[in-house]
Amino acid sequence: MKEEYDLFQMKSRKNPYASKLKTPVTIRLSEHVVGYFKEMAEGTGVPYQSLINLYLRDCVHQHRTVDISWPKRD
């Protein structure tokens, strides 16, 4: 092994998987929801956007579905 390497001679290359890791999206969330995750982020030290992603990923993993049923009015 060489004692010293010339790193300036190396050619850099982009990570081929970087674009597949996450997709940027614009989503409108209520202030209450964002506040909830921001508060949780302060307690855990994890960025709130990462917490939202973790929660949604868990929903996908658990195959959760949304039940949008409104109570009947009498």
C-alpha atoms as a PDB file:
ATOM      1  CA  MET A   1       0.000   0.000   0.000  1.00  0.00           C
ATOM      2  CA  LYS A   2       1.267   3.476  -0.791  1.00  0.00           C
ATOM      3  CA  GLU A   3       2.199   5.768   2.030  1.00  0.00           C
ATOM      4  CA  GLU A   4       0.521   8.678   0.327  1.00  0.00           C
ATOM      5  CA  TYR A   5      -2.241   8.924  -2.256  1.00  0.00           C
ATOM      6  CA  ASP A   6      -2.923  11.857  -4.550  1.00  0.00           C
ATOM      7  CA  LEU A   7      -6.677  12.304  -4.173  1.00  0.00           C
ATOM      8  CA  PHE A   8      -6.702  15.198  -6.649  1.00  0.00           C
ATOM      9  CA  GLN A   9      -5.970  12.690  -9.425  1.00  0.00           C
ATOM     10  CA  MET A  10      -9.141  10.751  -8.672  1.00  0.00           C
ATOM     11  CA  LYS A  11     -12.207  11.300 -10.803  1.00  0.00           C
ATOM     12  CA  SER A  12     -15.421  11.859  -8.887  1.00  0.00           C
ATOM     13  CA  ARG A  13     -18.672  10.270  -9.905  1.00  0.00           C
ATOM     14  CA  LYS A  14     -22.234  10.749  -8.805  1.00  0.00           C
ATOM     15  CA  ASN A  15     -24.114   8.178  -6.785  1.00  0.00           C
ATOM     16  CA  PRO A  16     -26.265   6.318  -9.360  1.00  0.00           C
ATOM     17  CA  TYR A  17     -28.888   5.547  -6.703  1.00  0.00           C
ATOM     18  CA  ALA A  18     -29.207   9.056  -5.269  1.00  0.00           C
ATOM     19  CA  SER A  19     -32.141  10.036  -7.471  1.00  0.00           C
ATOM     20  CA  LYS A  20     -34.017   6.866  -6.506  1.00  0.00           C
ATOM     21  CA  LEU A  21     -33.757   7.380  -2.760  1.00  0.00           C
ATOM     22  CA  LYS A  22     -36.471   9.999  -2.316  1.00  0.00           C
ATOM     23  CA  THR A  23     -38.808  11.957  -4.525  1.00  0.00           C
ATOM     24  CA  PRO A  24     -39.412  15.614  -3.700  1.00  0.00           C
ATOM     25  CA  VAL A  25     -43.119  16.447  -3.507  1.00  0.00           C
ATOM     26  CA  THR A  26     -45.233  19.426  -2.603  1.00  0.00           C
ATOM     27  CA  ILE A  27     -47.971  18.557  -0.155  1.00  0.00           C
ATOM     28  CA  ARG A  28     -50.374  20.752   1.774  1.00  0.00           C
ATOM     29  CA  LEU A  29     -50.733  19.729   5.421  1.00  0.00           C
ATOM     30  CA  SER A  30     -52.719  21.429   8.139  1.00  0.00           C
ATOM     31  CA  GLU A  31     -50.835  23.538  10.670  1.00  0.00           C
ATOM     32  CA  HIS A  32     -51.954  21.152  13.397  1.00  0.00           C
ATOM     33  CA  VAL A  33     -50.365  18.152  11.654  1.00  0.00           C
ATOM     34  CA  VAL A  34     -47.091  19.969  10.949  1.00  0.00           C
ATOM     35  CA  GLY A  35     -47.023  21.293  14.516  1.00  0.00           C
ATOM     36  CA  TYR A  36     -47.535  17.790  15.878  1.00  0.00           C
ATOM     37  CA  PHE A  37     -44.569  16.408  13.961  1.00  0.00           C
ATOM     38  CA  LYS A  38     -42.396  19.458  14.711  1.00  0.00           C
ATOM     39  CA  GLU A  39     -43.077  19.003  18.431  1.00  0.00           C
ATOM     40  CA  MET A  40     -42.218  15.329  18.159  1.00  0.00           C
ATOM     41  CA  ALA A  41     -39.045  16.256  16.246  1.00  0.00           C
ATOM     42  CA  GLU A  42     -37.870  18.500  19.075  1.00  0.00           C
ATOM     43  CA  GLY A  43     -38.217  15.638  21.534  1.00  0.00           C
ATOM     44  CA  THR A  44     -36.501  13.048  19.377  1.00  0.00           C
ATOM     45  CA  GLY A  45     -33.901  15.110  17.541  1.00  0.00           C
ATOM     46  CA  VAL A  46     -35.138  13.715  14.216  1.00  0.00           C
ATOM     47  CA  PRO A  47     -36.208  16.284  11.568  1.00  0.00           C
ATOM     48  CA  TYR A  48     -39.989  16.551  11.297  1.00  0.00           C
ATOM     49  CA  GLN A  49     -39.964  15.751   7.571  1.00  0.00           C
ATOM     50  CA  SER A  50     -38.123  12.510   8.335  1.00  0.00           C
ATOM     51  CA  LEU A  51     -40.709  11.658  10.993  1.00  0.00           C
ATOM     52  CA  ILE A  52     -43.541  12.193   8.519  1.00  0.00           C
ATOM     53  CA  ASN A  53     -41.711   9.972   6.024  1.00  0.00           C
ATOM     54  CA  LEU A  54     -41.166   7.281   8.668  1.00  0.00           C
ATOM     55  CA  TYR A  55     -44.848   7.351   9.611  1.00  0.00           C
ATOM     56  CA  LEU A  56     -45.995   7.092   5.999  1.00  0.00           C
ATOM     57  CA  ARG A  57     -43.479   4.320   5.327  1.00  0.00           C
ATOM     58  CA  ASP A  58     -44.898   2.417   8.302  1.00  0.00           C
ATOM     59  CA  CYS A  59     -48.406   2.850   6.862  1.00  0.00           C
ATOM     60  CA  VAL A  60     -47.196   1.332   3.596  1.00  0.00           C
ATOM     61  CA  HIS A  61     -45.424  -1.524   5.391  1.00  0.00           C
ATOM     62  CA  GLN A  62     -48.523  -2.308   7.492  1.00  0.00           C
ATOM     63  CA  HIS A  63     -50.807  -2.004   4.435  1.00  0.00           C
ATOM     64  CA  ARG A  64     -53.003   0.481   6.270  1.00  0.00           C
ATOM     65  CA  THR A  65     -55.950   1.918   4.441  1.00  0.00           C
ATOM     66  CA  VAL A  66     -57.886   5.073   5.093  1.00  0.00           C
ATOM     67  CA  ASP A  67     -61.422   4.708   6.385  1.00  0.00           C
ATOM     68  CA  ILE A  68     -63.288   7.812   5.322  1.00  0.00           C
ATOM     69  CA  SER A  69     -66.722   7.175   6.669  1.00  0.00           C
ATOM     70  CA  TRP A  70     -68.847   9.964   8.019  1.00  0.00           C
ATOM     71  CA  PRO A  71     -71.289   9.370  10.842  1.00  0.00           C
ATOM     72  CA  LYS A  72     -74.912   9.437   9.764  1.00  0.00           C
ATOM     73  CA  ARG A  73     -76.876  12.484  10.832  1.00  0.00           C
ATOM     74  CA  ASP A  74     -80.262  11.947  12.352  1.00  0.00           C
END
